[in-house]
Every structure is written in C-alpha cells, then in structure tokens.
Amino acid sequence: MSGVLERAWYKCSKWLVLFRPLSLFYTAMVKRRRAQWLSGARTVYQAPVPVIIVGNISVGGTGKTPVVLALIELLRERGYCPGVVSRGYGGRAIEYPLLVTSSTPSEQSGDEPLLIASLAGAPVVVDPDRPRAVRALLELTACDVVISDDGLQHYPLGRDIEIAVVDAARGLANGRCLPEGPLREPPERLESVDFVLLNGESALPVWQKAHHFILQPRRIVCLSDAQVLNLSDALVVLKASPVHAIAGIGNPQRFFNTLSALGLEIIPHVFPDHHAFLEQDFEFADDYPMIMTEKDAIKCKEFSLQNAWALGVEACFSEQFLMHFLSRLDRVQKRGKT
C-alpha cells in the first residue's frame, strides 16, 4: 500500500482527495502541537552548545545523511568537535541512550547512525528521546556542537539552526500532508527554517533561504575486503556487464539514476526503506556484480558476498551556503553558546 500511495503522491493522483478529511485533521494537529511547543506551554531542552537540526518535511529519502556527513567534515575543518544524535530508525537497542561505534550491530543502532559513526568517526548517540540523547552525548564526549540527524518535528529539543533538505527532482509532490500527500508538516514550514537545501537542480519555486547542493559519486567500496577503489577504475570493471542495483532506501530511483548516469546498465531491485537484509536477498541466477548504497552496505558487512560493491557519495555545497551557514553559526556562538 505504501508504494501505491507514494506513486500517487508524486503523480498528484486525483483519487487522493478521498484522504482530504484525514489530511486536514492531521495538518491541524501538527500545527497545534508545534504552536504549543513554541508558546512555552511545554518545556523545551536547550543544550549548552549549538544544536543543528538536519531534517525534512516529507516522508522518504531526501539526502539528509550525506548532508550530515559533509557538515561534520566542515565543522571539523573550522575547529569544532561535532557529535550526532539520532532516533535510530530501523534499530532497537537493548538500552537507551546508545553510544554508537563502528562495531555496533545495525539492528540496535539503525543504519544511518551506524553509517555516520563508521564513515565520519564522529560520536553518535541514538535515543528516541532526543533531549536525553544530547545530554548523554555531552556527558560521554567532548563535542561542542550537536547535529541532529532528522528531528525537525521533534520540538522537545531546542535548536539553533534548522536545515530542511528537499529532493529537488520530486519536490513537495502534491503539497498535502499525510495521508493525502507525503508531507509531515505543511509547505509553509519551510519559511521558518534557517536553510532549505535542494538536492539537485529543478524548476521548483525558489525559497529565499534555498541553496542547491549535489550528491557527487566519490568512491566504490568492495564489500568482500572493504577495499576502496578509485571511481573511474571501478567503473571500467562494472561496465563490462549488467549490474544488480540494490536499494533499500527512501528514494531508490535517485540511486538508480545516479548509476545510469555513470554509464552502468542496471537491473533494479527495490526493498523497503531501512530493510533488514538477509543473505538470500542477494541470491541471483547469474554472477553479475551487485551494487548498493553505503547505507545498505553497512548492514551487510557480515555477509559473505562476492562481487558486491557500495557506491559512496558526497554532498557538495555551494560557496554561498557555506558562507551563510558559518555566519549563522558564528552568531549563535556570540549569543552565548560555547
């Protein structure tokens, strides 16, 4: 059913109007809840260090995790010690808060926190209670700035900078909230964030705070021995035959489009977002290579997969965004957060 709904949202199918009453009720509840938190009627946790939210207002993948990874690198270059908190969607820890390391099972941490901890080496704490996650992060590590992977709608956590990531190719679909559309909050929510990051180029309406970025393929990793190969060298091998393109992510078509743009002949295999892969998911009748995202590959590192590869991408920001973002962070620091 979810696949049917998703296709209908982005095709703006007329039958979705049947969900209009539910969508209007959901929208009203979302607005009311946000107003309660912003009014001071409920206690919001304000961390002693800057908190940066990287989220979105739609369900499905928009490219948040590469943005988080790029921000970690940027902040380190500027002398900060960033840490990350996450809900850990798709995982279930024995106990929360959970400090994630590269050896943490993805079944406990979720795939995105494990990927961030493995690729960036940054401290990551998972907890559905994000204020508790931030407290644990500050107690256990020396980080001086916190990035929340998702959490735009988690208002118990105070924030200093809000970044909303939007897939420029898919946009906001029909502009409706769930279940008539894919939005967690109405479109006007984008007017209140500090930055809108558009993943890719499109003819979307240009928000004043919008900046484009691209996901640039950077590396290909062999799953059997973790060897990182030069992209051009690996493509010579992978172009010799069709490849099984495996995607258990929120927007698999973007991944498939990237592979096709690299010149690969793909056989697509779509799995649900955050899919818990089994080794038999990779049993095919041929010996063609298999390629997946790093987010999916992190859950398959214990499998004995041969001729399996992961494509690594990097978020590349505009100079204008970098300038405005660092200026905004500097103002937060001068306001008294250490």
Protein backbone atom coordinates (compact mmCIF):
# COMPACT_ATOMS: atom_id res chain seq x y z
CA MET A 1 0.00 0.00 0.00
CA SER A 2 2.82 2.41 0.83
CA GLY A 3 4.28 2.04 -2.68
CA VAL A 4 0.89 2.76 -4.24
CA LEU A 5 0.49 5.86 -2.09
CA GLU A 6 3.97 7.14 -2.85
CA ARG A 7 3.46 6.85 -6.60
CA ALA A 8 0.10 8.58 -6.29
CA TRP A 9 1.54 11.45 -4.21
CA TYR A 10 4.16 12.32 -6.80
CA LYS A 11 1.79 11.86 -9.73
CA CYS A 12 -0.75 14.10 -7.95
CA SER A 13 -3.44 11.45 -8.48
CA LYS A 14 -6.95 12.83 -8.12
CA TRP A 15 -8.28 9.91 -6.05
CA LEU A 16 -6.11 11.05 -3.14
CA VAL A 17 -8.82 13.62 -2.39
CA LEU A 18 -10.56 10.77 -0.57
CA PHE A 19 -7.97 11.27 2.18
CA ARG A 20 -8.63 15.03 2.40
CA PRO A 21 -10.56 14.91 5.72
CA LEU A 22 -7.79 12.89 7.38
CA SER A 23 -5.14 15.15 5.89
CA LEU A 24 -6.86 18.30 7.17
CA PHE A 25 -7.19 16.78 10.64
CA TYR A 26 -3.52 15.73 10.64
CA THR A 27 -2.42 19.20 9.48
CA ALA A 28 -4.43 20.90 12.22
CA MET A 29 -2.94 18.61 14.88
CA VAL A 30 0.61 19.21 13.62
CA LYS A 31 0.14 22.98 13.68
CA ARG A 32 -1.42 22.86 17.14
CA ARG A 33 1.37 20.72 18.53
CA ARG A 34 4.08 22.99 17.14
CA ALA A 35 2.33 26.08 18.48
CA GLN A 36 2.22 24.53 21.95
CA TRP A 37 5.96 23.94 21.96
CA LEU A 38 6.79 27.37 20.56
CA SER A 39 4.50 29.15 23.03
CA GLY A 40 6.43 27.88 26.03
CA ALA A 41 3.49 25.80 27.26
CA ARG A 42 5.83 22.79 27.27
CA THR A 43 9.41 22.55 28.45
CA VAL A 44 11.99 22.59 25.66
CA TYR A 45 15.51 21.34 26.39
CA GLN A 46 18.11 23.94 25.46
CA ALA A 47 21.59 22.43 25.17
CA PRO A 48 24.62 24.45 26.33
CA VAL A 49 26.17 24.01 22.87
CA PRO A 50 24.79 24.85 19.40
CA VAL A 51 22.24 22.34 18.07
CA ILE A 52 21.83 21.97 14.30
CA ILE A 53 18.79 20.10 13.01
CA VAL A 54 19.07 18.40 9.61
CA GLY A 55 15.64 17.15 8.64
CA ASN A 56 12.84 17.35 6.11
CA ILE A 57 9.11 17.87 5.95
CA SER A 58 8.34 14.85 3.76
CA VAL A 59 8.50 11.11 4.25
CA GLY A 60 11.10 9.21 2.24
CA GLY A 61 14.70 9.92 1.36
CA THR A 62 15.92 13.41 0.53
CA GLY A 63 19.68 13.06 1.10
CA LYS A 64 19.94 14.02 4.77
CA THR A 65 22.71 11.60 5.75
CA PRO A 66 25.27 12.85 3.17
CA VAL A 67 24.46 16.39 4.34
CA VAL A 68 25.17 15.39 7.95
CA LEU A 69 28.47 13.78 6.93
CA ALA A 70 29.52 16.87 4.95
CA LEU A 71 28.63 19.17 7.86
CA ILE A 72 30.73 17.05 10.22
CA GLU A 73 33.73 17.47 7.93
CA LEU A 74 33.09 21.20 7.52
CA LEU A 75 32.80 21.78 11.26
CA ARG A 76 35.99 19.84 11.96
CA GLU A 77 37.85 21.95 9.42
CA ARG A 78 36.68 25.01 11.36
CA GLY A 79 37.99 23.66 14.66
CA TYR A 80 34.76 22.28 16.09
CA CYS A 81 34.25 18.84 17.64
CA PRO A 82 30.82 17.80 16.31
CA GLY A 83 28.66 14.99 17.64
CA VAL A 84 25.44 13.50 16.27
CA VAL A 85 22.16 12.39 17.81
CA SER A 86 19.56 10.29 16.04
CA ARG A 87 16.35 8.45 16.75
CA GLY A 88 17.91 5.33 15.25
CA TYR A 89 15.03 4.47 12.96
CA GLY A 90 15.06 0.81 11.96
CA GLY A 91 17.03 -0.24 15.03
CA ARG A 92 16.08 -1.32 18.52
CA ALA A 93 18.69 -1.01 21.23
CA ILE A 94 18.70 -3.09 24.40
CA GLU A 95 19.04 0.13 26.35
CA TYR A 96 18.88 3.86 25.57
CA PRO A 97 20.76 6.12 25.17
CA LEU A 98 23.12 4.09 22.96
CA LEU A 99 26.60 5.32 22.06
CA VAL A 100 27.20 4.03 18.53
CA THR A 101 30.57 2.80 17.30
CA SER A 102 31.57 1.18 14.01
CA SER A 103 31.11 -2.24 15.66
CA THR A 104 27.56 -1.61 16.92
CA PRO A 105 25.05 -4.01 15.29
CA SER A 106 22.80 -2.14 12.86
CA GLU A 107 19.84 -3.99 14.41
CA GLN A 108 20.43 -1.89 17.52
CA SER A 109 21.58 1.45 16.12
CA GLY A 110 19.73 1.68 12.82
CA ASP A 111 21.57 2.02 9.51
CA GLU A 112 22.08 5.78 9.31
CA PRO A 113 23.69 6.28 12.76
CA LEU A 114 26.00 3.33 12.12
CA LEU A 115 26.99 4.73 8.73
CA ILE A 116 27.77 8.14 10.25
CA ALA A 117 29.81 6.60 13.07
CA SER A 118 31.71 4.38 10.62
CA LEU A 119 32.45 6.91 7.87
CA ALA A 120 32.94 10.06 9.92
CA GLY A 121 34.26 8.57 13.15
CA ALA A 122 32.14 11.13 14.97
CA PRO A 123 30.46 10.34 18.30
CA VAL A 124 26.85 9.29 17.68
CA VAL A 125 24.18 8.71 20.31
CA VAL A 126 20.87 7.05 19.47
CA ASP A 127 17.74 7.59 21.53
CA PRO A 128 14.10 8.20 20.56
CA ASP A 129 14.20 10.85 23.30
CA ARG A 130 16.45 13.39 21.59
CA PRO A 131 16.99 15.70 24.60
CA ARG A 132 18.19 12.66 26.54
CA ALA A 133 20.42 11.74 23.59
CA VAL A 134 22.02 15.21 23.62
CA ARG A 135 22.61 15.06 27.39
CA ALA A 136 24.30 11.68 27.00
CA LEU A 137 26.39 12.91 24.08
CA LEU A 138 27.66 15.86 26.12
CA GLU A 139 28.36 13.67 29.16
CA LEU A 140 30.20 10.96 27.23
CA THR A 141 32.15 13.04 24.71
CA ALA A 142 33.91 16.38 24.31
CA CYS A 143 31.74 17.58 21.43
CA ASP A 144 31.00 21.30 21.27
CA VAL A 145 28.28 21.30 18.60
CA VAL A 146 25.44 18.82 18.07
CA ILE A 147 23.91 17.75 14.76
CA SER A 148 20.52 16.06 14.96
CA ASP A 149 20.06 13.62 12.09
CA ASP A 150 16.38 14.21 11.38
CA GLY A 151 14.26 15.64 14.18
CA LEU A 152 12.81 18.73 12.51
CA GLN A 153 9.46 17.77 14.05
CA HIS A 154 10.91 16.76 17.45
CA TYR A 155 10.15 20.02 19.26
CA PRO A 156 11.17 18.95 22.81
CA LEU A 157 14.75 19.50 21.57
CA GLY A 158 15.66 23.17 21.28
CA ARG A 159 17.56 24.13 18.17
CA ASP A 160 19.75 26.97 16.99
CA ILE A 161 19.89 26.20 13.26
CA GLU A 162 17.28 24.33 11.23
CA ILE A 163 18.17 22.85 7.84
CA ALA A 164 15.40 21.28 5.75
CA VAL A 165 16.54 19.01 2.91
CA VAL A 166 14.25 18.72 -0.12
CA ASP A 167 14.67 16.41 -3.11
CA ALA A 168 14.62 18.96 -5.93
CA ALA A 169 13.53 16.41 -8.55
CA ARG A 170 10.48 15.24 -6.59
CA GLY A 171 9.74 18.48 -4.75
CA LEU A 172 6.82 18.52 -2.33
CA ALA A 173 4.64 16.28 -4.53
CA ASN A 174 1.02 17.46 -4.26
CA GLY A 175 1.84 19.74 -1.34
CA ARG A 176 -0.51 17.91 1.02
CA CYS A 177 0.13 16.47 4.46
CA LEU A 178 -0.30 12.81 5.30
CA PRO A 179 -2.11 10.73 4.20
CA GLU A 180 -3.27 12.71 1.15
CA GLY A 181 0.33 13.70 0.48
CA PRO A 182 3.83 12.87 1.74
CA LEU A 183 4.33 15.90 3.99
CA ARG A 184 4.91 15.67 7.73
CA GLU A 185 4.25 19.39 8.04
CA PRO A 186 2.61 21.87 5.64
CA PRO A 187 4.76 23.55 2.96
CA GLU A 188 4.84 26.88 4.80
CA ARG A 189 7.01 25.24 7.45
CA LEU A 190 9.93 25.78 5.07
CA GLU A 191 9.53 29.53 5.56
CA SER A 192 10.50 29.20 9.23
CA VAL A 193 13.70 27.15 8.87
CA ASP A 194 17.11 28.77 8.54
CA PHE A 195 18.11 26.98 5.34
CA VAL A 196 16.40 24.91 2.65
CA LEU A 197 18.85 22.61 0.89
CA LEU A 198 17.64 21.44 -2.51
CA ASN A 199 19.18 18.13 -3.54
CA GLY A 200 19.87 18.59 -7.26
CA GLU A 201 18.51 21.05 -9.79
CA SER A 202 14.89 21.60 -10.75
CA ALA A 203 12.27 24.18 -11.61
CA LEU A 204 10.93 24.23 -8.05
CA PRO A 205 9.77 27.56 -6.61
CA VAL A 206 12.85 29.26 -5.17
CA TRP A 207 12.60 29.96 -1.46
CA GLN A 208 14.62 32.89 -0.19
CA LYS A 209 16.58 30.55 2.07
CA ALA A 210 17.12 27.85 -0.57
CA HIS A 211 20.52 26.61 -1.69
CA HIS A 212 21.21 23.82 -4.16
CA PHE A 213 23.65 21.01 -3.47
CA ILE A 214 24.58 17.89 -5.38
CA LEU A 215 25.43 14.34 -4.37
CA GLN A 216 28.68 13.58 -6.13
CA PRO A 217 29.79 9.93 -6.53
CA ARG A 218 33.25 9.71 -4.96
CA ARG A 219 34.23 6.11 -4.31
CA ILE A 220 33.29 2.48 -4.78
CA VAL A 221 33.97 0.02 -1.98
CA CYS A 222 34.36 -3.74 -2.41
CA LEU A 223 32.26 -5.42 0.28
CA SER A 224 34.33 -8.59 0.47
CA ASP A 225 37.56 -6.89 1.58
CA ALA A 226 36.49 -3.26 2.28
CA GLN A 227 38.95 -2.05 -0.38
CA VAL A 228 38.18 1.49 -1.55
CA LEU A 229 38.63 1.82 -5.30
CA ASN A 230 39.05 4.84 -7.49
CA LEU A 231 35.69 5.55 -9.09
CA SER A 232 36.94 5.53 -12.68
CA ASP A 233 38.88 2.28 -12.20
CA ALA A 234 35.91 0.51 -10.63
CA LEU A 235 33.55 1.65 -13.37
CA VAL A 236 35.74 0.00 -16.01
CA VAL A 237 35.07 -3.32 -14.28
CA LEU A 238 31.39 -2.71 -13.58
CA LYS A 239 30.59 -1.57 -17.12
CA ALA A 240 31.66 -4.95 -18.51
CA SER A 241 28.24 -6.46 -17.73
CA PRO A 242 24.85 -5.52 -16.31
CA VAL A 243 24.82 -4.93 -12.55
CA HIS A 244 22.22 -5.74 -9.93
CA ALA A 245 21.34 -2.38 -8.35
CA ILE A 246 20.01 -2.97 -4.85
CA ALA A 247 18.25 -0.23 -2.90
CA GLY A 248 16.54 -0.32 0.49
CA ILE A 249 16.33 3.45 0.81
CA GLY A 250 13.64 6.13 0.83
CA ASN A 251 14.05 7.22 -2.79
CA PRO A 252 15.61 4.34 -4.75
CA GLN A 253 15.07 5.98 -8.14
CA ARG A 254 17.62 8.68 -7.34
CA PHE A 255 20.22 5.96 -6.72
CA PHE A 256 19.29 4.17 -9.93
CA ASN A 257 19.51 7.44 -11.88
CA THR A 258 22.99 8.05 -10.46
CA LEU A 259 24.16 4.61 -11.58
CA SER A 260 22.70 5.09 -15.06
CA ALA A 261 24.40 8.49 -15.32
CA LEU A 262 27.70 6.74 -14.56
CA GLY A 263 27.12 4.54 -17.61
CA LEU A 264 26.06 1.36 -15.83
CA GLU A 265 23.43 -0.99 -17.21
CA ILE A 266 21.35 -1.73 -14.14
CA ILE A 267 18.90 -4.43 -13.07
CA PRO A 268 16.98 -2.64 -10.29
CA HIS A 269 15.91 -4.37 -7.07
CA VAL A 270 13.82 -2.27 -4.69
CA PHE A 271 13.45 -3.12 -1.00
CA PRO A 272 11.60 -1.17 1.72
CA ASP A 273 13.42 1.73 3.36
CA HIS A 274 15.60 0.53 6.27
CA HIS A 275 15.16 -3.08 5.08
CA ALA A 276 16.84 -5.68 7.29
CA PHE A 277 18.72 -7.55 4.56
CA LEU A 278 19.21 -11.30 4.60
CA GLU A 279 21.96 -13.04 2.68
CA GLN A 280 19.38 -14.74 0.47
CA ASP A 281 18.25 -11.31 -0.76
CA PHE A 282 21.41 -11.34 -2.86
CA GLU A 283 20.94 -14.76 -4.46
CA PHE A 284 20.58 -14.28 -8.21
CA ALA A 285 20.61 -16.75 -11.10
CA ASP A 286 23.67 -15.07 -12.66
CA ASP A 287 27.05 -13.84 -11.47
CA TYR A 288 26.61 -10.18 -12.40
CA PRO A 289 28.09 -7.67 -9.97
CA MET A 290 25.89 -6.21 -7.24
CA ILE A 291 25.99 -2.55 -6.23
CA MET A 292 24.18 -0.75 -3.43
CA THR A 293 24.37 2.42 -1.36
CA GLU A 294 26.75 2.68 1.58
CA LYS A 295 23.70 2.96 3.81
CA ASP A 296 22.54 -0.50 2.71
CA ALA A 297 26.04 -1.95 2.62
CA ILE A 298 26.67 -1.11 6.29
CA LYS A 299 24.01 -3.69 7.19
CA CYS A 300 25.60 -6.37 5.01
CA LYS A 301 29.20 -6.31 6.21
CA GLU A 302 28.86 -9.69 7.95
CA PHE A 303 27.60 -11.41 4.79
CA SER A 304 29.88 -13.44 2.54
CA LEU A 305 29.06 -11.50 -0.60
CA GLN A 306 31.27 -11.82 -3.65
CA ASN A 307 31.42 -9.27 -6.44
CA ALA A 308 29.39 -6.84 -4.33
CA TRP A 309 30.10 -3.12 -4.24
CA ALA A 310 28.92 0.03 -2.50
CA LEU A 311 28.77 3.47 -4.10
CA GLY A 312 29.83 6.31 -1.84
CA VAL A 313 28.53 9.82 -2.50
CA GLU A 314 29.45 13.20 -1.05
CA ALA A 315 27.26 16.26 -0.57
CA CYS A 316 28.83 19.26 -2.33
CA PHE A 317 27.56 22.62 -1.08
CA SER A 318 27.65 25.99 -2.79
CA GLU A 319 30.05 28.63 -1.51
CA GLN A 320 27.05 30.82 -0.77
CA PHE A 321 25.54 28.23 1.55
CA LEU A 322 28.85 27.65 3.33
CA MET A 323 29.25 31.38 3.90
CA HIS A 324 25.71 31.86 5.24
CA PHE A 325 25.80 28.71 7.37
CA LEU A 326 29.10 29.57 9.05
CA SER A 327 27.94 33.14 9.59
CA ARG A 328 24.75 31.86 11.24
CA LEU A 329 26.76 29.52 13.48
CA ASP A 330 29.08 32.36 14.42
CA ARG A 331 26.08 34.45 15.51
CA VAL A 332 24.86 31.56 17.66
CA GLN A 333 28.27 31.36 19.32
CA LYS A 334 28.36 35.09 20.01
CA ARG A 335 24.91 34.84 21.56
CA GLY A 336 26.44 32.86 24.39
CA LYS A 337 26.60 29.18 23.44
CA THR A 338 30.07 27.74 23.95
